[in-house]
Protein backbone atom coordinates (compact mmCIF):
# COMPACT_ATOMS: atom_id res chain seq x y z
CA MET A 1 0.00 0.31 0.02
CA ARG A 2 1.26 3.39 -1.16
CA PRO A 3 1.78 5.89 2.46
CA PHE A 4 -0.41 8.46 2.76
CA ALA A 5 0.19 12.20 2.92
CA PRO A 6 -1.29 13.93 6.53
CA ILE A 7 -4.71 14.95 6.01
CA ASP A 8 -5.00 19.31 4.42
CA PRO A 9 -8.52 20.12 3.60
CA PRO A 10 -9.13 23.28 1.77
CA SER A 11 -10.87 26.80 4.11
CA ARG A 12 -14.14 26.66 3.19
CA VAL A 13 -16.70 29.16 3.65
CA LEU A 14 -19.60 26.95 5.18
CA MET A 15 -22.71 28.82 4.07
CA GLY A 16 -24.75 26.00 3.68
CA PRO A 17 -27.25 24.49 5.82
CA GLY A 18 -25.05 22.81 7.96
CA PRO A 19 -22.06 22.12 9.40
CA SER A 20 -21.42 25.52 9.99
CA ASP A 21 -18.24 27.48 9.93
CA VAL A 22 -16.72 26.66 13.41
CA ALA A 23 -14.58 28.86 15.75
CA PRO A 24 -10.88 28.78 16.24
CA SER A 25 -10.81 28.55 19.77
CA VAL A 26 -13.56 25.75 19.39
CA LEU A 27 -11.25 24.16 16.97
CA GLN A 28 -8.50 24.75 19.72
CA ALA A 29 -10.57 23.01 22.73
CA MET A 30 -10.96 20.40 20.74
CA SER A 31 -7.27 20.11 20.41
CA ARG A 32 -6.29 19.64 23.98
CA PRO A 33 -5.59 16.21 25.67
CA THR A 34 -7.91 13.66 25.91
CA LEU A 35 -8.74 13.16 29.02
CA GLY A 36 -10.60 9.34 30.28
CA HIS A 37 -13.93 10.06 30.22
CA LEU A 38 -13.94 9.23 34.04
CA ASP A 39 -11.32 11.33 34.59
CA PRO A 40 -12.48 13.94 37.83
CA ARG A 41 -11.40 17.24 36.08
CA PHE A 42 -13.64 15.78 31.98
CA LEU A 43 -16.46 14.88 34.75
CA GLU A 44 -16.45 18.68 35.46
CA ILE A 45 -16.41 19.67 32.04
CA MET A 46 -19.48 17.34 31.34
CA ASP A 47 -21.19 19.57 34.55
CA GLU A 48 -20.08 22.67 33.19
CA THR A 49 -21.34 21.87 29.54
CA ALA A 50 -24.95 21.03 30.84
CA ALA A 51 -25.32 23.79 32.82
CA MET A 52 -24.42 26.28 29.74
CA LEU A 53 -26.46 24.10 27.64
CA ARG A 54 -29.88 24.77 30.24
CA ALA A 55 -29.12 28.63 29.73
CA VAL A 56 -28.85 28.42 26.07
CA LEU A 57 -32.04 26.33 25.68
CA GLY A 58 -34.01 28.39 28.33
CA THR A 59 -34.76 25.86 30.87
CA GLU A 60 -34.03 24.35 34.17
CA ASN A 61 -34.43 20.58 33.27
CA ARG A 62 -32.30 18.30 35.29
CA LEU A 63 -31.45 16.17 32.54
CA THR A 64 -30.11 18.63 29.59
CA LEU A 65 -26.85 16.40 28.03
CA PRO A 66 -25.00 16.36 24.27
CA ILE A 67 -25.90 12.79 23.06
CA SER A 68 -22.87 11.18 21.00
CA GLY A 69 -23.99 11.12 17.83
CA THR A 70 -25.43 14.15 15.43
CA GLY A 71 -28.71 15.16 15.35
CA SER A 72 -30.79 12.76 13.98
CA ALA A 73 -29.23 10.74 17.28
CA GLY A 74 -31.35 13.51 19.49
CA MET A 75 -33.94 12.47 17.50
CA GLU A 76 -34.29 8.93 17.72
CA THR A 77 -32.86 9.76 21.18
CA CYS A 78 -36.26 11.78 22.61
CA LEU A 79 -39.20 9.19 20.53
CA VAL A 80 -37.45 5.53 21.20
CA ASN A 81 -37.36 6.93 24.90
CA LEU A 82 -40.65 8.64 24.81
CA LEU A 83 -43.22 6.06 22.24
CA GLU A 84 -43.75 2.72 23.19
CA PRO A 85 -45.53 -0.05 20.73
CA GLY A 86 -49.36 1.22 20.90
CA ASP A 87 -48.47 4.43 21.70
CA ARG A 88 -50.27 7.53 19.86
CA ALA A 89 -47.99 10.52 18.11
CA LEU A 90 -49.13 13.26 16.50
CA ILE A 91 -46.70 14.79 14.38
CA GLY A 92 -46.58 17.82 12.17
CA VAL A 93 -44.65 17.55 8.83
CA ASN A 94 -44.09 20.31 6.73
CA GLY A 95 -40.39 19.28 5.53
CA VAL A 96 -37.32 16.29 5.37
CA PHE A 97 -37.44 16.15 8.92
CA GLY A 98 -41.46 16.15 10.10
CA THR A 99 -41.40 13.45 7.73
CA ARG A 100 -38.44 11.54 9.58
CA MET A 101 -39.68 12.06 12.73
CA CYS A 102 -42.41 9.93 11.30
CA GLU A 103 -40.33 6.86 10.08
CA VAL A 104 -38.64 6.84 13.37
CA ALA A 105 -41.73 6.79 15.59
CA ARG A 106 -43.44 3.87 13.55
CA ARG A 107 -40.50 2.25 13.75
CA CYS A 108 -41.07 2.74 17.62
CA GLY A 109 -44.65 0.81 17.17
CA ALA A 110 -46.14 3.86 17.63
CA GLU A 111 -49.62 5.23 15.64
CA VAL A 112 -48.47 7.68 14.11
CA THR A 113 -50.93 10.63 12.81
CA PRO A 114 -49.00 12.65 10.37
CA VAL A 115 -50.68 16.55 9.76
CA GLU A 116 -48.88 17.45 6.61
CA ALA A 117 -48.32 21.80 6.03
CA ARG A 118 -47.21 22.96 2.15
CA TRP A 119 -43.59 22.98 2.32
CA GLY A 120 -42.24 26.09 3.73
CA GLU A 121 -45.18 27.36 6.08
CA ALA A 122 -45.92 26.94 9.53
CA MET A 123 -47.50 24.20 11.22
CA SER A 124 -51.12 25.44 12.10
CA THR A 125 -52.56 24.33 15.90
CA GLU A 126 -55.91 24.18 14.34
CA ALA A 127 -54.40 21.70 11.90
CA LEU A 128 -52.97 19.52 14.65
CA ARG A 129 -56.14 19.66 16.71
CA ALA A 130 -58.46 18.82 14.27
CA ALA A 131 -56.28 16.03 13.05
CA ALA A 132 -56.44 14.79 16.57
CA GLY A 133 -59.82 14.19 16.41
CA GLY A 134 -60.08 14.81 20.18
CA ARG A 135 -58.44 11.64 20.51
CA ALA A 136 -56.03 11.25 23.21
CA TYR A 137 -51.97 10.97 22.29
CA LYS A 138 -48.68 10.41 23.91
CA LEU A 139 -46.80 12.86 22.11
CA VAL A 140 -47.41 15.70 19.87
CA ALA A 141 -44.03 16.83 17.88
CA VAL A 142 -42.99 19.49 15.42
CA VAL A 143 -39.96 20.97 13.92
CA HIS A 144 -39.20 24.27 15.56
CA ALA A 145 -36.65 25.37 12.54
CA GLU A 146 -37.33 23.02 9.60
CA THR A 147 -33.97 23.11 7.80
CA SER A 148 -35.43 21.60 4.40
CA THR A 149 -37.69 24.36 4.25
CA GLY A 150 -36.18 27.16 6.05
CA ALA A 151 -39.52 27.91 8.17
CA LEU A 152 -39.78 28.78 11.43
CA GLN A 153 -42.54 27.37 13.77
CA PRO A 154 -44.05 29.29 16.14
CA LEU A 155 -44.65 27.22 19.35
CA ALA A 156 -47.48 29.54 20.87
CA GLY A 157 -50.11 27.54 21.60
CA LEU A 158 -48.30 23.84 21.69
CA ARG A 159 -48.35 23.25 25.24
CA GLU A 160 -52.19 24.39 25.48
CA LEU A 161 -53.00 21.23 22.97
CA ALA A 162 -50.52 18.59 23.82
CA ASP A 163 -52.74 19.26 27.53
CA GLU A 164 -55.81 18.58 25.23
CA LEU A 165 -54.63 15.94 24.18
CA GLY A 166 -53.04 14.61 27.46
CA ALA A 167 -49.86 14.00 25.28
CA LEU A 168 -46.03 15.62 25.95
CA LEU A 169 -44.99 18.64 23.67
CA MET A 170 -41.43 17.30 21.55
CA ILE A 171 -39.20 19.76 19.28
CA ASP A 172 -36.55 19.77 16.74
CA ALA A 173 -34.42 22.67 17.77
CA VAL A 174 -31.06 21.48 15.56
CA THR A 175 -31.69 24.67 13.60
CA SER A 176 -32.44 27.04 15.59
CA THR A 177 -30.80 26.44 18.90
CA GLY A 178 -28.60 28.98 19.78
CA GLY A 179 -30.52 31.16 15.98
CA VAL A 180 -33.36 32.23 17.64
CA PRO A 181 -34.63 31.64 20.69
CA VAL A 182 -35.97 28.19 22.08
CA ASP A 183 -37.14 29.01 25.80
CA LEU A 184 -38.21 25.39 26.46
CA ASP A 185 -39.48 26.53 29.74
CA ASP A 186 -41.82 29.69 28.56
CA HIS A 187 -43.09 26.86 26.19
CA GLY A 188 -44.03 24.44 27.90
CA VAL A 189 -41.55 22.01 25.68
CA ASP A 190 -41.65 18.51 27.37
CA ALA A 191 -38.84 17.40 24.94
CA MET A 192 -36.31 18.77 22.64
CA TYR A 193 -33.37 17.34 20.96
CA GLY A 194 -30.66 19.86 18.57
CA GLY A 195 -27.42 19.33 16.87
CA THR A 196 -24.02 20.98 17.48
CA GLN A 197 -23.17 21.77 13.72
CA LYS A 198 -25.55 24.49 12.82
CA CYS A 199 -25.81 28.07 15.23
CA LEU A 200 -24.04 26.84 17.56
CA SER A 201 -20.87 26.78 15.43
CA ALA A 202 -19.52 23.32 17.05
CA PRO A 203 -18.40 20.45 15.23
CA PRO A 204 -20.74 17.70 14.31
CA GLY A 205 -21.16 14.43 16.12
CA LEU A 206 -22.85 15.67 19.13
CA ALA A 207 -27.18 15.93 19.92
CA PRO A 208 -28.20 17.92 22.66
CA VAL A 209 -31.46 17.11 24.33
CA SER A 210 -33.77 18.08 27.03
CA PHE A 211 -36.67 16.25 29.19
CA SER A 212 -38.66 17.99 31.47
CA ASP A 213 -40.01 16.73 34.84
CA ARG A 214 -43.10 15.29 32.99
CA ALA A 215 -40.78 13.49 30.11
CA VAL A 216 -38.72 11.68 33.00
CA ALA A 217 -41.72 10.37 34.85
CA ALA A 218 -43.19 8.96 31.65
CA LEU A 219 -39.63 7.16 30.81
CA GLN A 220 -39.54 6.25 34.44
CA ASP A 221 -43.45 4.85 33.79
CA ARG A 222 -42.46 2.74 30.78
CA LYS A 223 -43.73 -0.78 30.52
CA SER A 224 -41.41 -2.07 27.96
CA PRO A 225 -37.39 -1.61 27.72
CA VAL A 226 -36.40 1.24 25.91
CA GLN A 227 -35.91 -0.30 22.30
CA SER A 228 -32.25 1.29 21.42
CA TRP A 229 -29.50 0.28 24.65
CA TYR A 230 -27.06 2.70 23.37
CA LEU A 231 -30.04 5.64 23.34
CA ASP A 232 -31.74 4.34 26.77
CA LEU A 233 -31.94 7.59 29.15
CA SER A 234 -32.37 5.56 31.57
CA LEU A 235 -28.67 4.21 31.44
CA ILE A 236 -27.18 7.51 30.00
CA THR A 237 -28.04 9.52 32.86
CA LYS A 238 -26.64 7.40 35.40
CA TYR A 239 -23.36 8.66 33.55
CA TRP A 240 -23.75 12.07 33.42
CA GLY A 241 -25.95 11.70 36.92
CA GLY A 242 -24.22 11.53 40.51
CA GLU A 243 -23.78 8.06 39.86
CA ARG A 244 -21.01 8.35 37.00
CA ALA A 245 -22.05 4.36 36.23
CA TYR A 246 -20.19 3.57 32.92
CA HIS A 247 -22.31 3.54 30.04
CA HIS A 248 -19.78 4.38 26.65
CA THR A 249 -17.07 6.05 26.08
CA ALA A 250 -17.85 9.69 25.58
CA PRO A 251 -16.41 11.51 22.80
CA VAL A 252 -14.50 13.62 25.52
CA ASN A 253 -12.92 15.98 22.72
CA SER A 254 -16.05 16.69 20.88
CA VAL A 255 -17.50 17.65 24.90
CA TYR A 256 -14.69 19.88 24.86
CA ALA A 257 -15.82 21.67 21.08
CA LEU A 258 -19.04 22.31 23.01
CA HIS A 259 -18.15 23.69 26.00
CA GLU A 260 -16.23 26.48 24.33
CA ALA A 261 -18.54 26.63 21.46
CA LEU A 262 -21.29 27.01 24.52
CA ARG A 263 -19.50 29.26 25.96
CA LEU A 264 -18.46 31.87 23.34
CA VAL A 265 -22.57 31.81 22.42
CA LEU A 266 -23.23 32.99 26.22
CA GLU A 267 -19.71 35.86 26.17
CA GLU A 268 -22.08 36.97 23.18
CA GLY A 269 -25.31 37.23 24.86
CA LEU A 270 -28.12 34.80 23.80
CA GLU A 271 -30.14 38.51 23.02
CA ALA A 272 -27.21 40.22 20.68
CA ARG A 273 -26.69 36.92 19.16
CA TYR A 274 -29.93 36.59 18.34
CA ALA A 275 -30.15 40.26 16.87
CA ARG A 276 -27.36 39.67 14.76
CA HIS A 277 -28.86 36.60 12.94
CA ALA A 278 -32.25 38.48 12.13
CA ARG A 279 -29.85 41.30 11.15
CA HIS A 280 -28.29 39.35 8.51
CA GLY A 281 -30.40 37.56 7.57
CA ALA A 282 -32.93 40.41 6.56
CA SER A 283 -29.76 41.30 4.86
CA LEU A 284 -29.09 38.29 2.50
CA ALA A 285 -32.86 38.47 1.99
CA GLU A 286 -32.89 41.91 1.28
CA GLY A 287 -29.56 41.36 -0.92
CA LEU A 288 -31.27 38.05 -2.85
CA GLU A 289 -34.30 40.26 -3.74
CA GLY A 290 -32.37 42.81 -5.41
CA LEU A 291 -30.52 39.82 -7.44
CA GLY A 292 -34.31 39.50 -8.96
CA LEU A 293 -34.39 35.54 -6.87
CA SER A 294 -37.03 34.87 -5.56
CA LEU A 295 -37.34 33.56 -1.46
CA PRO A 296 -40.41 31.33 -1.30
CA VAL A 297 -40.83 31.40 2.70
CA ALA A 298 -43.16 34.17 3.69
CA ALA A 299 -40.98 36.86 5.77
CA ASN A 300 -43.23 36.23 8.56
CA THR A 301 -42.64 32.89 8.64
CA ARG A 302 -38.42 32.56 7.70
CA MET A 303 -35.88 31.68 9.84
CA PRO A 304 -32.93 34.44 10.20
CA GLN A 305 -30.36 31.52 9.59
CA LEU A 306 -31.58 29.70 6.73
CA THR A 307 -32.66 30.84 3.72
CA VAL A 308 -34.14 28.81 0.76
CA VAL A 309 -33.99 30.59 -2.55
CA SER A 310 -36.16 29.33 -5.52
CA ILE A 311 -33.66 28.58 -8.67
CA PRO A 312 -34.59 30.25 -11.68
CA ASP A 313 -35.62 28.71 -14.98
CA GLY A 314 -32.51 27.91 -16.89
CA VAL A 315 -29.74 27.70 -14.33
CA GLN A 316 -27.98 24.85 -13.64
CA ASP A 317 -28.63 24.36 -9.59
CA LYS A 318 -25.14 22.04 -9.46
CA ALA A 319 -23.03 24.19 -12.24
CA VAL A 320 -23.31 27.40 -9.83
CA ARG A 321 -22.79 25.59 -6.47
CA ALA A 322 -19.51 24.47 -7.98
CA HIS A 323 -18.74 27.79 -9.39
CA LEU A 324 -19.10 29.55 -6.07
CA LEU A 325 -17.01 26.57 -4.41
CA GLU A 326 -14.49 26.96 -6.70
CA HIS A 327 -13.82 30.20 -7.69
CA LEU A 328 -14.61 31.53 -3.77
CA GLY A 329 -14.27 28.69 -1.49
CA LEU A 330 -18.04 29.45 -0.65
CA GLU A 331 -20.91 26.37 0.18
CA ILE A 332 -24.14 26.66 -0.32
CA GLY A 333 -26.65 24.13 0.19
CA GLY A 334 -29.15 22.30 -2.68
CA GLY A 335 -32.50 20.98 -2.03
CA LEU A 336 -34.15 18.15 -0.21
CA GLY A 337 -36.62 16.06 -1.04
CA PRO A 338 -39.23 17.41 -3.63
CA MET A 339 -37.44 21.04 -3.52
CA ALA A 340 -34.58 19.06 -4.49
CA GLY A 341 -32.69 20.53 -7.64
CA LYS A 342 -35.57 23.72 -7.00
CA VAL A 343 -33.64 25.55 -4.78
CA TRP A 344 -30.62 26.82 -2.63
CA ARG A 345 -30.56 26.64 0.98
CA ILE A 346 -28.43 29.65 2.11
CA GLY A 347 -27.43 29.43 5.61
CA LEU A 348 -25.93 32.32 7.68
CA MET A 349 -25.52 29.87 11.33
CA GLY A 350 -23.04 30.92 14.32
CA SER A 351 -19.45 32.44 13.03
CA ALA A 352 -20.41 32.11 9.75
CA CYS A 353 -23.53 34.48 10.39
CA THR A 354 -21.39 37.96 9.76
CA GLU A 355 -21.95 40.82 7.13
CA ARG A 356 -18.74 39.62 5.05
CA ASN A 357 -20.55 36.66 4.61
CA VAL A 358 -23.47 37.88 3.01
CA THR A 359 -21.69 40.35 0.74
CA LEU A 360 -19.67 37.51 -0.33
CA CYS A 361 -22.77 35.38 -0.98
CA VAL A 362 -24.85 38.11 -2.71
CA ALA A 363 -21.61 38.52 -5.31
CA GLY A 364 -20.97 35.30 -5.28
CA LEU A 365 -24.22 34.07 -6.64
CA GLU A 366 -24.59 37.23 -9.03
CA GLN A 367 -21.49 35.93 -10.71
CA ALA A 368 -22.41 32.74 -10.91
CA LEU A 369 -25.82 33.60 -12.51
CA ALA A 370 -23.99 35.97 -15.09
CA ALA A 371 -21.45 32.42 -16.10
CA GLN A 372 -24.89 31.13 -17.17
CA ALA A 373 -26.50 34.01 -18.77
């Protein structure tokens, strides 16, 4: 076998749907000496990370921790712990990740009621209520920030609906965490999952989850074992909690990175961070529309950290993205599912959410479109 050279990845500006640019201090944190996963200093770092997660998520939930895995592992963690065979789940579907929640819930043996909305629109509480038909449910779930469409879901009214149905309330906050307010306790959210690689600007590989006392009680009252041993929170919390019982070898250096990323979020201040995303998101939308491009998500539904752009007729999707990558080192994302080949997804997340990147992206798209004229 020929010898291989050390990796030397190129520098990119990451303005796709994730991962986002990672701050230098986060990368430096990740390069610090690896400790044993039961080392006393690492246990302190775990506790600090959980405390900062609670602050960013706006919760006092005792069960708040990062799962060893990507955002989809967070989704599975919430669903496999809360759902048992025969449970009813009411799930809003207005994009790829609502569809994925339905698929995972079915694999848990749940009776799933999907509630469809047009992709790019928010779910209506009235539509969810009508689909429930007055039946009791174990879980009501929505995607807070649908990464496939750029639509932001209002959370107001969902707690009241869940109470009517006797249900727990769960949200996908993968793309919202660190970019827009999540405020779990204010909205009465019982379970959430997120990801580190979007507005938190840490490398992918961890999935924050948070369970309310109601959700923890539901976990404790299960009649059957959690179908995934690896994602069983009744076992994982014994490692993250007071017992420190071995469950699996934690990705130590990834936790370092998340610790530093959360520290930067809180150092900036949540309100300042949300304002930065709102300001630059509005500037990007204005610049794109100035090029004559159409934004299919209504302004009052559009999330600031991820903007979906309709690809003009006659324009080659992949050619434009390849032009940006080759000439500017700039990555934007393509569409998913039925939106594949029809839209671009442009992220302004965390460290990548800057005025410079807005200018770079708008100017780059202008060049790339001119090259196809």
